Amino acid sequence: MDNGVCNDDVDEGQIKLYLNVTTVKRESFDFYKNVLYLSKDEYSLTEDGFFIVDGTNTSNYCLYPYNFNSDFPKSIWIILHPRTLKLLTAILEITEISMIFNILTIAVYLYVKKLRNMLGKCLICTLLSIFIMSLIDIMNFRNLLDDICSLKGYIHYFFGMSIYPWFTVMSFHMWKTFKSISREVPGNSFLAYSFFVWATAAVSTGVIYLVNTIWHKDPSALSWMPLIGFTKCYVDSEL
């Protein structure tokens, strides 16, 4: 359920009035599992527990508990389990190698004084954000962050949203430098750039947090929600 936490609002006794439920599965959903809304004329339910949708028997599903008893059987929410996630060959290894080179590049820019200019500082921050995102991805795949599903999702989104403003800042700085006769950079420029980038990322993260908080119990709003901690720990962009 939301935030990867078991939701005991589900009344198993009420569900058993309609179906012979033998297993109640309590886990966070993966990103390849689709939440599907069905009205009474779009599905039929057999006695052995199969949903028939578009003439096809569907057995790999979970019931979505929110509003389950409000208008059943006129409508119902189910979660489909269509396939098993399979990563591309060597994608983890390539990501880990990329992380090593990110750290080496950052170390070089910190060690060489001439590289610690405005663009160098911006590049360091950009590479650091990419490194943190990659680290979260690796730890998430190895199930090392299961207890902080929503937190890792928001951190991943925050640093992901910071990358694009850093590219914007670097482009703006180069444009400003090329059109100016003077090559001197004001001392507070990096501070101003940093505030712009981190504030942009923070506001974006705050917005999706509020959306999740306000609409988290309304299945009809799923297509409008980022769904961090719902269908997966990261922002869901597939609905």
Protein backbone atom coordinates (compact mmCIF):
# COMPACT_ATOMS: atom_id res chain seq x y z
CA MET A 1 0.00 0.00 0.00
CA ASP A 2 1.01 3.65 0.15
CA ASN A 3 4.47 4.30 1.54
CA GLY A 4 5.16 0.56 1.45
CA VAL A 5 3.28 0.08 4.74
CA CYS A 6 0.71 -2.64 5.36
CA ASN A 7 -2.74 -1.09 5.53
CA ASP A 8 -4.99 -2.85 8.03
CA ASP A 9 -8.05 -0.85 6.93
CA VAL A 10 -8.78 -3.81 4.66
CA ASP A 11 -11.64 -5.76 6.23
CA GLU A 12 -10.87 -9.33 5.25
CA GLY A 13 -14.17 -10.48 6.69
CA GLN A 14 -16.09 -8.22 4.33
CA ILE A 15 -14.08 -9.42 1.33
CA LYS A 16 -14.92 -13.03 2.20
CA LEU A 17 -18.60 -12.21 1.80
CA TYR A 18 -17.96 -11.99 -1.93
CA LEU A 19 -14.92 -14.17 -2.57
CA ASN A 20 -13.27 -17.12 -0.92
CA VAL A 21 -10.02 -15.31 -0.12
CA THR A 22 -7.25 -17.69 0.91
CA THR A 23 -4.32 -15.26 0.82
CA VAL A 24 -4.08 -11.56 1.62
CA LYS A 25 -0.88 -10.23 0.10
CA ARG A 26 0.59 -7.19 1.81
CA GLU A 27 3.49 -5.59 -0.07
CA SER A 28 4.37 -2.49 -2.07
CA PHE A 29 3.61 -2.71 -5.79
CA ASP A 30 6.30 -2.87 -8.45
CA PHE A 31 6.29 -0.43 -11.35
CA TYR A 32 5.22 -3.05 -13.89
CA LYS A 33 1.96 -3.80 -12.02
CA ASN A 34 -1.00 -1.83 -13.38
CA VAL A 35 -3.89 -0.49 -11.30
CA LEU A 36 -7.08 -1.09 -13.29
CA TYR A 37 -10.59 0.31 -12.73
CA LEU A 38 -13.46 -1.85 -13.99
CA SER A 39 -17.15 -1.04 -14.05
CA LYS A 40 -19.75 -3.83 -13.80
CA ASP A 41 -20.18 -4.11 -17.57
CA GLU A 42 -16.41 -4.46 -18.16
CA TYR A 43 -15.71 -7.60 -16.14
CA SER A 44 -17.20 -10.80 -14.83
CA LEU A 45 -16.07 -12.82 -11.85
CA THR A 46 -16.15 -16.61 -11.89
CA GLU A 47 -16.74 -18.80 -8.87
CA ASP A 48 -13.13 -19.98 -8.85
CA GLY A 49 -11.86 -16.41 -8.54
CA PHE A 50 -10.98 -15.57 -12.16
CA PHE A 51 -11.68 -12.13 -13.55
CA ILE A 52 -12.80 -12.18 -17.18
CA VAL A 53 -11.74 -8.91 -18.81
CA ASP A 54 -12.23 -8.44 -22.56
CA GLY A 55 -12.92 -12.16 -22.88
CA THR A 56 -9.62 -13.12 -21.22
CA ASN A 57 -9.28 -14.93 -17.90
CA THR A 58 -7.13 -12.97 -15.48
CA SER A 59 -5.76 -14.84 -12.48
CA ASN A 60 -2.66 -12.80 -11.61
CA TYR A 61 -4.22 -9.89 -9.77
CA CYS A 62 -4.67 -8.34 -6.35
CA LEU A 63 -7.71 -6.50 -5.03
CA TYR A 64 -7.20 -2.80 -4.42
CA PRO A 65 -8.75 -2.23 -0.97
CA TYR A 66 -9.64 1.49 -1.07
CA ASN A 67 -13.37 1.92 -1.69
CA PHE A 68 -13.68 -1.82 -2.31
CA ASN A 69 -16.89 -2.20 -0.35
CA SER A 70 -18.46 1.14 -1.33
CA ASP A 71 -20.04 0.12 -4.65
CA PHE A 72 -18.96 -3.47 -5.31
CA PRO A 73 -19.95 -5.22 -7.59
CA LYS A 74 -20.89 -2.12 -9.65
CA SER A 75 -17.19 -1.32 -9.92
CA ILE A 76 -13.90 -2.66 -8.64
CA TRP A 77 -10.19 -1.79 -8.55
CA ILE A 78 -7.64 -4.54 -9.19
CA ILE A 79 -3.86 -4.63 -9.59
CA LEU A 80 -2.62 -6.73 -12.50
CA HIS A 81 0.69 -8.61 -12.44
CA PRO A 82 1.43 -8.90 -16.16
CA ARG A 83 5.07 -9.88 -16.25
CA THR A 84 8.30 -10.31 -14.33
CA LEU A 85 10.87 -7.56 -14.29
CA LYS A 86 14.06 -8.42 -16.18
CA LEU A 87 17.01 -6.07 -16.27
CA LEU A 88 19.12 -5.63 -19.35
CA THR A 89 22.35 -7.61 -19.37
CA ALA A 90 25.16 -6.03 -17.29
CA ILE A 91 23.17 -2.88 -16.54
CA LEU A 92 24.10 -3.04 -12.84
CA GLU A 93 27.78 -3.49 -13.61
CA ILE A 94 27.75 -0.59 -16.09
CA THR A 95 26.03 1.63 -13.52
CA GLU A 96 28.60 0.74 -10.85
CA ILE A 97 31.50 1.47 -13.23
CA SER A 98 29.89 4.81 -14.11
CA MET A 99 29.66 5.66 -10.41
CA ILE A 100 33.38 4.99 -9.97
CA PHE A 101 34.25 7.34 -12.83
CA ASN A 102 31.91 9.98 -11.40
CA ILE A 103 33.81 9.90 -8.12
CA LEU A 104 37.18 9.99 -9.90
CA THR A 105 36.09 12.99 -11.97
CA ILE A 106 34.88 14.83 -8.88
CA ALA A 107 38.19 14.07 -7.14
CA VAL A 108 40.18 15.50 -10.08
CA TYR A 109 38.12 18.69 -10.14
CA LEU A 110 38.58 19.12 -6.40
CA TYR A 111 42.32 18.45 -6.57
CA VAL A 112 43.24 20.68 -9.54
CA LYS A 113 42.91 24.30 -8.48
CA LYS A 114 42.34 25.64 -12.00
CA LEU A 115 39.33 23.35 -12.39
CA ARG A 116 37.67 24.73 -9.27
CA ASN A 117 36.13 27.60 -11.23
CA MET A 118 32.43 28.33 -11.69
CA LEU A 119 31.82 25.65 -14.31
CA GLY A 120 33.91 23.16 -12.35
CA LYS A 121 31.84 23.69 -9.21
CA CYS A 122 28.60 23.29 -11.16
CA LEU A 123 29.88 20.12 -12.80
CA ILE A 124 30.87 18.68 -9.41
CA CYS A 125 27.34 19.27 -8.09
CA THR A 126 25.83 17.71 -11.21
CA LEU A 127 28.02 14.59 -10.99
CA LEU A 128 27.30 14.31 -7.28
CA SER A 129 23.55 14.32 -7.95
CA ILE A 130 23.96 11.64 -10.64
CA PHE A 131 26.09 9.56 -8.27
CA ILE A 132 23.48 9.72 -5.48
CA MET A 133 20.71 8.69 -7.89
CA SER A 134 22.78 5.76 -9.15
CA LEU A 135 23.66 4.72 -5.60
CA ILE A 136 19.97 4.66 -4.63
CA ASP A 137 19.17 2.61 -7.75
CA ILE A 138 21.84 0.03 -6.92
CA MET A 139 20.85 -0.22 -3.25
CA ASN A 140 17.19 -0.40 -4.21
CA PHE A 141 17.79 -3.29 -6.60
CA ARG A 142 19.70 -5.14 -3.90
CA ASN A 143 16.76 -4.59 -1.50
CA LEU A 144 18.87 -2.58 0.95
CA LEU A 145 16.38 0.29 1.25
CA ASP A 146 13.06 -1.56 1.55
CA ASP A 147 12.29 -0.01 4.93
CA ILE A 148 12.43 3.56 3.59
CA CYS A 149 10.50 3.16 0.35
CA SER A 150 8.97 6.65 0.17
CA LEU A 151 12.05 8.40 1.56
CA LYS A 152 14.35 6.93 -1.08
CA GLY A 153 11.78 7.82 -3.74
CA TYR A 154 11.68 11.48 -2.72
CA ILE A 155 15.48 11.69 -2.38
CA HIS A 156 15.90 10.11 -5.82
CA TYR A 157 13.41 12.58 -7.30
CA PHE A 158 15.03 15.56 -5.56
CA PHE A 159 18.50 14.89 -6.95
CA GLY A 160 17.06 13.92 -10.33
CA MET A 161 15.28 17.26 -10.54
CA SER A 162 18.48 19.10 -9.60
CA ILE A 163 20.41 17.78 -12.62
CA TYR A 164 18.45 19.71 -15.24
CA PRO A 165 18.70 23.08 -13.46
CA TRP A 166 22.47 22.53 -13.14
CA PHE A 167 22.69 22.04 -16.91
CA THR A 168 20.62 25.22 -17.34
CA VAL A 169 22.90 27.13 -14.98
CA MET A 170 26.04 25.97 -16.81
CA SER A 171 24.56 26.90 -20.18
CA PHE A 172 23.52 30.32 -18.89
CA HIS A 173 26.95 30.94 -17.36
CA MET A 174 28.77 30.02 -20.60
CA TRP A 175 26.43 32.25 -22.62
CA LYS A 176 26.98 35.10 -20.16
CA THR A 177 30.76 34.59 -20.29
CA PHE A 178 31.00 34.49 -24.09
CA LYS A 179 29.01 37.69 -24.56
CA SER A 180 30.94 39.61 -21.91
CA ILE A 181 34.28 41.31 -22.45
CA SER A 182 35.22 40.82 -18.83
CA ARG A 183 36.04 37.28 -17.71
CA GLU A 184 35.62 38.05 -14.01
CA VAL A 185 32.89 36.19 -12.18
CA PRO A 186 31.06 37.83 -9.25
CA GLY A 187 31.91 36.16 -5.97
CA ASN A 188 28.32 35.33 -5.11
CA SER A 189 27.39 33.79 -8.47
CA PHE A 190 27.84 30.18 -7.40
CA LEU A 191 25.78 30.82 -4.26
CA ALA A 192 22.99 32.30 -6.40
CA TYR A 193 23.15 29.41 -8.85
CA SER A 194 23.08 26.88 -6.02
CA PHE A 195 20.05 28.51 -4.44
CA PHE A 196 18.22 28.45 -7.77
CA VAL A 197 18.98 24.76 -8.39
CA TRP A 198 18.28 23.38 -4.92
CA ALA A 199 15.18 25.56 -4.45
CA THR A 200 13.79 24.35 -7.78
CA ALA A 201 14.37 20.73 -6.81
CA ALA A 202 12.91 21.28 -3.33
CA VAL A 203 9.75 22.98 -4.61
CA SER A 204 9.20 20.21 -7.19
CA THR A 205 9.64 17.53 -4.53
CA GLY A 206 7.34 19.38 -2.14
CA VAL A 207 4.61 19.60 -4.78
CA ILE A 208 4.54 15.86 -5.49
CA TYR A 209 4.62 15.15 -1.74
CA LEU A 210 1.54 17.31 -1.23
CA VAL A 211 -0.26 15.68 -4.17
CA ASN A 212 0.43 12.22 -2.74
CA THR A 213 -0.66 13.30 0.73
CA ILE A 214 -3.92 14.91 -0.39
CA TRP A 215 -5.07 12.30 -2.93
CA HIS A 216 -3.52 9.11 -1.58
CA LYS A 217 -6.89 7.46 -0.77
CA ASP A 218 -8.69 8.40 -3.99
CA PRO A 219 -8.25 5.71 -6.71
CA SER A 220 -9.90 7.98 -9.29
CA ALA A 221 -6.93 10.38 -8.94
CA LEU A 222 -4.27 7.76 -9.68
CA SER A 223 -3.57 9.09 -13.16
CA TRP A 224 -2.80 12.53 -11.67
CA MET A 225 -0.51 11.32 -8.91
CA PRO A 226 3.27 10.71 -8.85
CA LEU A 227 2.53 7.65 -6.68
CA ILE A 228 5.81 7.55 -4.76
CA GLY A 229 5.42 4.68 -2.29
CA PHE A 230 2.25 3.40 -3.97
CA THR A 231 2.82 1.37 -7.13
CA LYS A 232 6.58 1.66 -6.58
CA CYS A 233 9.04 3.71 -4.58
CA TYR A 234 9.88 6.05 -7.45
CA VAL A 235 7.68 8.48 -9.37
CA ASP A 236 5.28 6.50 -11.56
CA SER A 237 5.24 8.00 -15.06
CA GLU A 238 3.47 5.13 -16.82
CA LEU A 239 -0.18 5.69 -15.87
